[in-house]
Amino acid sequence: SGDAPTSAKVLLDGKTVWSGAGSAAGSATFKVKKGGRYQEQVELCNTSGCTKSASKLIIVADTDGSHLLPLNTTMKENNKTFAQHTDKVVGAYFPEWGRVWP
């Protein structure tokens, strides 16, 4: 209708994280408690109804890596044929990454 908004909301993944009075300009401040990838929208309402903006990807980086996409790795054999040589000693070391020790 072209009328000014009377209320506004900020949504992350469809859930309201901020709401307040609507105006032609302004800002919204809110906390995000968990890292990740979120779709953000702004919803403005007036006496004629409400409308939402297009979604925008928001990335909240955290040290736990929750904002990262999964790594796609090809699971395949990585061993190579070993040519034996005299007077050589071969050893192997197998670290256990990420193990939680008691």
C-alpha atoms as a PDB file:
ATOM      1  CA  SER A   1       0.000   0.000   0.000  1.00  0.00           C
ATOM      2  CA  GLY A   2       3.036   2.304   0.347  1.00  0.00           C
ATOM      3  CA  ASP A   3       2.258   3.164   3.973  1.00  0.00           C
ATOM      4  CA  ALA A   4       5.105   3.272   6.485  1.00  0.00           C
ATOM      5  CA  PRO A   5       5.644   0.135   8.586  1.00  0.00           C
ATOM      6  CA  THR A   6       4.384   0.072  12.155  1.00  0.00           C
ATOM      7  CA  SER A   7       6.348  -2.988  13.318  1.00  0.00           C
ATOM      8  CA  ALA A   8       9.410  -4.932  12.250  1.00  0.00           C
ATOM      9  CA  LYS A   9      10.927  -8.353  12.939  1.00  0.00           C
ATOM     10  CA  VAL A  10      14.220 -10.034  12.156  1.00  0.00           C
ATOM     11  CA  LEU A  11      13.962 -13.771  11.566  1.00  0.00           C
ATOM     12  CA  LEU A  12      16.721 -16.388  11.513  1.00  0.00           C
ATOM     13  CA  ASP A  13      15.584 -19.647   9.922  1.00  0.00           C
ATOM     14  CA  GLY A  14      11.979 -18.474  10.328  1.00  0.00           C
ATOM     15  CA  LYS A  15      12.263 -17.789  14.073  1.00  0.00           C
ATOM     16  CA  THR A  16      11.924 -14.251  15.453  1.00  0.00           C
ATOM     17  CA  VAL A  17      15.180 -13.050  17.055  1.00  0.00           C
ATOM     18  CA  TRP A  18      14.295  -9.348  17.230  1.00  0.00           C
ATOM     19  CA  SER A  19      11.106  -7.288  17.055  1.00  0.00           C
ATOM     20  CA  GLY A  20      10.412  -3.608  17.429  1.00  0.00           C
ATOM     21  CA  ALA A  21       8.784  -0.533  15.986  1.00  0.00           C
ATOM     22  CA  GLY A  22       8.927  -0.221  12.220  1.00  0.00           C
ATOM     23  CA  SER A  23      10.378   2.787  10.434  1.00  0.00           C
ATOM     24  CA  ALA A  24      11.855   3.708   7.065  1.00  0.00           C
ATOM     25  CA  ALA A  25      15.381   3.330   8.478  1.00  0.00           C
ATOM     26  CA  GLY A  26      17.003   1.892  11.570  1.00  0.00           C
ATOM     27  CA  SER A  27      18.963  -0.994  12.982  1.00  0.00           C
ATOM     28  CA  ALA A  28      18.354  -4.144  14.996  1.00  0.00           C
ATOM     29  CA  THR A  29      20.798  -5.585  17.507  1.00  0.00           C
ATOM     30  CA  PHE A  30      20.453  -9.137  18.785  1.00  0.00           C
ATOM     31  CA  LYS A  31      22.658 -11.982  20.032  1.00  0.00           C
ATOM     32  CA  VAL A  32      23.170 -15.316  18.331  1.00  0.00           C
ATOM     33  CA  LYS A  33      24.226 -17.933  20.879  1.00  0.00           C
ATOM     34  CA  LYS A  34      25.311 -20.691  18.496  1.00  0.00           C
ATOM     35  CA  GLY A  35      27.560 -20.665  15.463  1.00  0.00           C
ATOM     36  CA  GLY A  36      26.128 -21.892  12.192  1.00  0.00           C
ATOM     37  CA  ARG A  37      24.616 -20.948   8.862  1.00  0.00           C
ATOM     38  CA  TYR A  38      21.303 -19.096   9.072  1.00  0.00           C
ATOM     39  CA  GLN A  39      18.794 -17.694   6.596  1.00  0.00           C
ATOM     40  CA  GLU A  40      17.905 -14.143   7.666  1.00  0.00           C
ATOM     41  CA  GLN A  41      14.750 -12.257   6.709  1.00  0.00           C
ATOM     42  CA  VAL A  42      13.240  -8.923   7.712  1.00  0.00           C
ATOM     43  CA  GLU A  43       9.471  -8.732   8.131  1.00  0.00           C
ATOM     44  CA  LEU A  44       7.703  -5.351   8.045  1.00  0.00           C
ATOM     45  CA  CYS A  45       4.050  -4.882   8.966  1.00  0.00           C
ATOM     46  CA  ASN A  46       1.505  -2.064   8.732  1.00  0.00           C
ATOM     47  CA  THR A  47      -2.293  -1.810   8.752  1.00  0.00           C
ATOM     48  CA  SER A  48      -2.431  -3.477   5.308  1.00  0.00           C
ATOM     49  CA  GLY A  49      -0.520  -6.608   6.390  1.00  0.00           C
ATOM     50  CA  CYS A  50       3.021  -7.946   6.517  1.00  0.00           C
ATOM     51  CA  THR A  51       5.728  -8.639   3.977  1.00  0.00           C
ATOM     52  CA  LYS A  52       9.066 -10.464   4.234  1.00  0.00           C
ATOM     53  CA  SER A  53      12.334  -9.716   2.500  1.00  0.00           C
ATOM     54  CA  ALA A  54      14.208 -12.274   0.440  1.00  0.00           C
ATOM     55  CA  SER A  55      16.391 -14.620   2.506  1.00  0.00           C
ATOM     56  CA  LYS A  56      20.059 -13.789   2.999  1.00  0.00           C
ATOM     57  CA  LEU A  57      22.668 -16.300   4.192  1.00  0.00           C
ATOM     58  CA  ILE A  58      24.263 -15.238   7.488  1.00  0.00           C
ATOM     59  CA  ILE A  59      27.333 -17.144   8.687  1.00  0.00           C
ATOM     60  CA  VAL A  60      28.143 -17.006  12.403  1.00  0.00           C
ATOM     61  CA  ALA A  61      31.668 -18.412  12.791  1.00  0.00           C
ATOM     62  CA  ASP A  62      32.618 -20.234  15.973  1.00  0.00           C
ATOM     63  CA  THR A  63      35.682 -22.193  17.030  1.00  0.00           C
ATOM     64  CA  ASP A  64      33.664 -25.429  17.018  1.00  0.00           C
ATOM     65  CA  GLY A  65      33.387 -25.268  13.220  1.00  0.00           C
ATOM     66  CA  SER A  66      29.576 -25.391  13.249  1.00  0.00           C
ATOM     67  CA  HIS A  67      29.544 -22.762  10.475  1.00  0.00           C
ATOM     68  CA  LEU A  68      31.572 -24.930   8.098  1.00  0.00           C
ATOM     69  CA  LEU A  69      30.068 -27.122   5.407  1.00  0.00           C
ATOM     70  CA  PRO A  70      30.897 -30.836   5.651  1.00  0.00           C
ATOM     71  CA  LEU A  71      34.086 -31.884   3.898  1.00  0.00           C
ATOM     72  CA  ASN A  72      33.359 -34.262   1.051  1.00  0.00           C
ATOM     73  CA  THR A  73      36.115 -36.834   0.876  1.00  0.00           C
ATOM     74  CA  THR A  74      36.482 -39.768  -1.434  1.00  0.00           C
ATOM     75  CA  MET A  75      36.858 -42.946   0.569  1.00  0.00           C
ATOM     76  CA  LYS A  76      39.389 -45.021  -1.320  1.00  0.00           C
ATOM     77  CA  GLU A  77      42.462 -47.123  -0.789  1.00  0.00           C
ATOM     78  CA  ASN A  78      45.516 -44.931  -0.385  1.00  0.00           C
ATOM     79  CA  ASN A  79      48.177 -47.639  -0.141  1.00  0.00           C
ATOM     80  CA  LYS A  80      50.872 -48.055  -2.770  1.00  0.00           C
ATOM     81  CA  THR A  81      52.914 -51.076  -3.691  1.00  0.00           C
ATOM     82  CA  PHE A  82      56.141 -51.253  -1.714  1.00  0.00           C
ATOM     83  CA  ALA A  83      59.294 -52.318  -3.493  1.00  0.00           C
ATOM     84  CA  GLN A  84      61.564 -54.197  -1.098  1.00  0.00           C
ATOM     85  CA  HIS A  85      65.226 -53.182  -0.928  1.00  0.00           C
ATOM     86  CA  THR A  86      68.050 -54.837   0.957  1.00  0.00           C
ATOM     87  CA  ASP A  87      69.637 -53.031   3.901  1.00  0.00           C
ATOM     88  CA  LYS A  88      66.513 -50.916   4.523  1.00  0.00           C
ATOM     89  CA  VAL A  89      64.334 -50.713   7.626  1.00  0.00           C
ATOM     90  CA  VAL A  90      60.694 -49.677   7.275  1.00  0.00           C
ATOM     91  CA  GLY A  91      58.563 -48.396  10.131  1.00  0.00           C
ATOM     92  CA  ALA A  92      55.074 -46.972  10.504  1.00  0.00           C
ATOM     93  CA  TYR A  93      53.421 -44.590  12.932  1.00  0.00           C
ATOM     94  CA  PHE A  94      49.653 -44.476  13.411  1.00  0.00           C
ATOM     95  CA  PRO A  95      48.434 -41.507  15.464  1.00  0.00           C
ATOM     96  CA  GLU A  96      44.945 -41.579  16.932  1.00  0.00           C
ATOM     97  CA  TRP A  97      43.474 -38.153  16.221  1.00  0.00           C
ATOM     98  CA  GLY A  98      40.639 -36.795  18.296  1.00  0.00           C
ATOM     99  CA  ARG A  99      40.682 -39.451  20.972  1.00  0.00           C
ATOM    100  CA  VAL A 100      39.398 -38.356  24.371  1.00  0.00           C
ATOM    101  CA  TRP A 101      41.647 -39.757  27.081  1.00  0.00           C
ATOM    102  CA  PRO A 102      40.130 -40.462  30.486  1.00  0.00           C
END
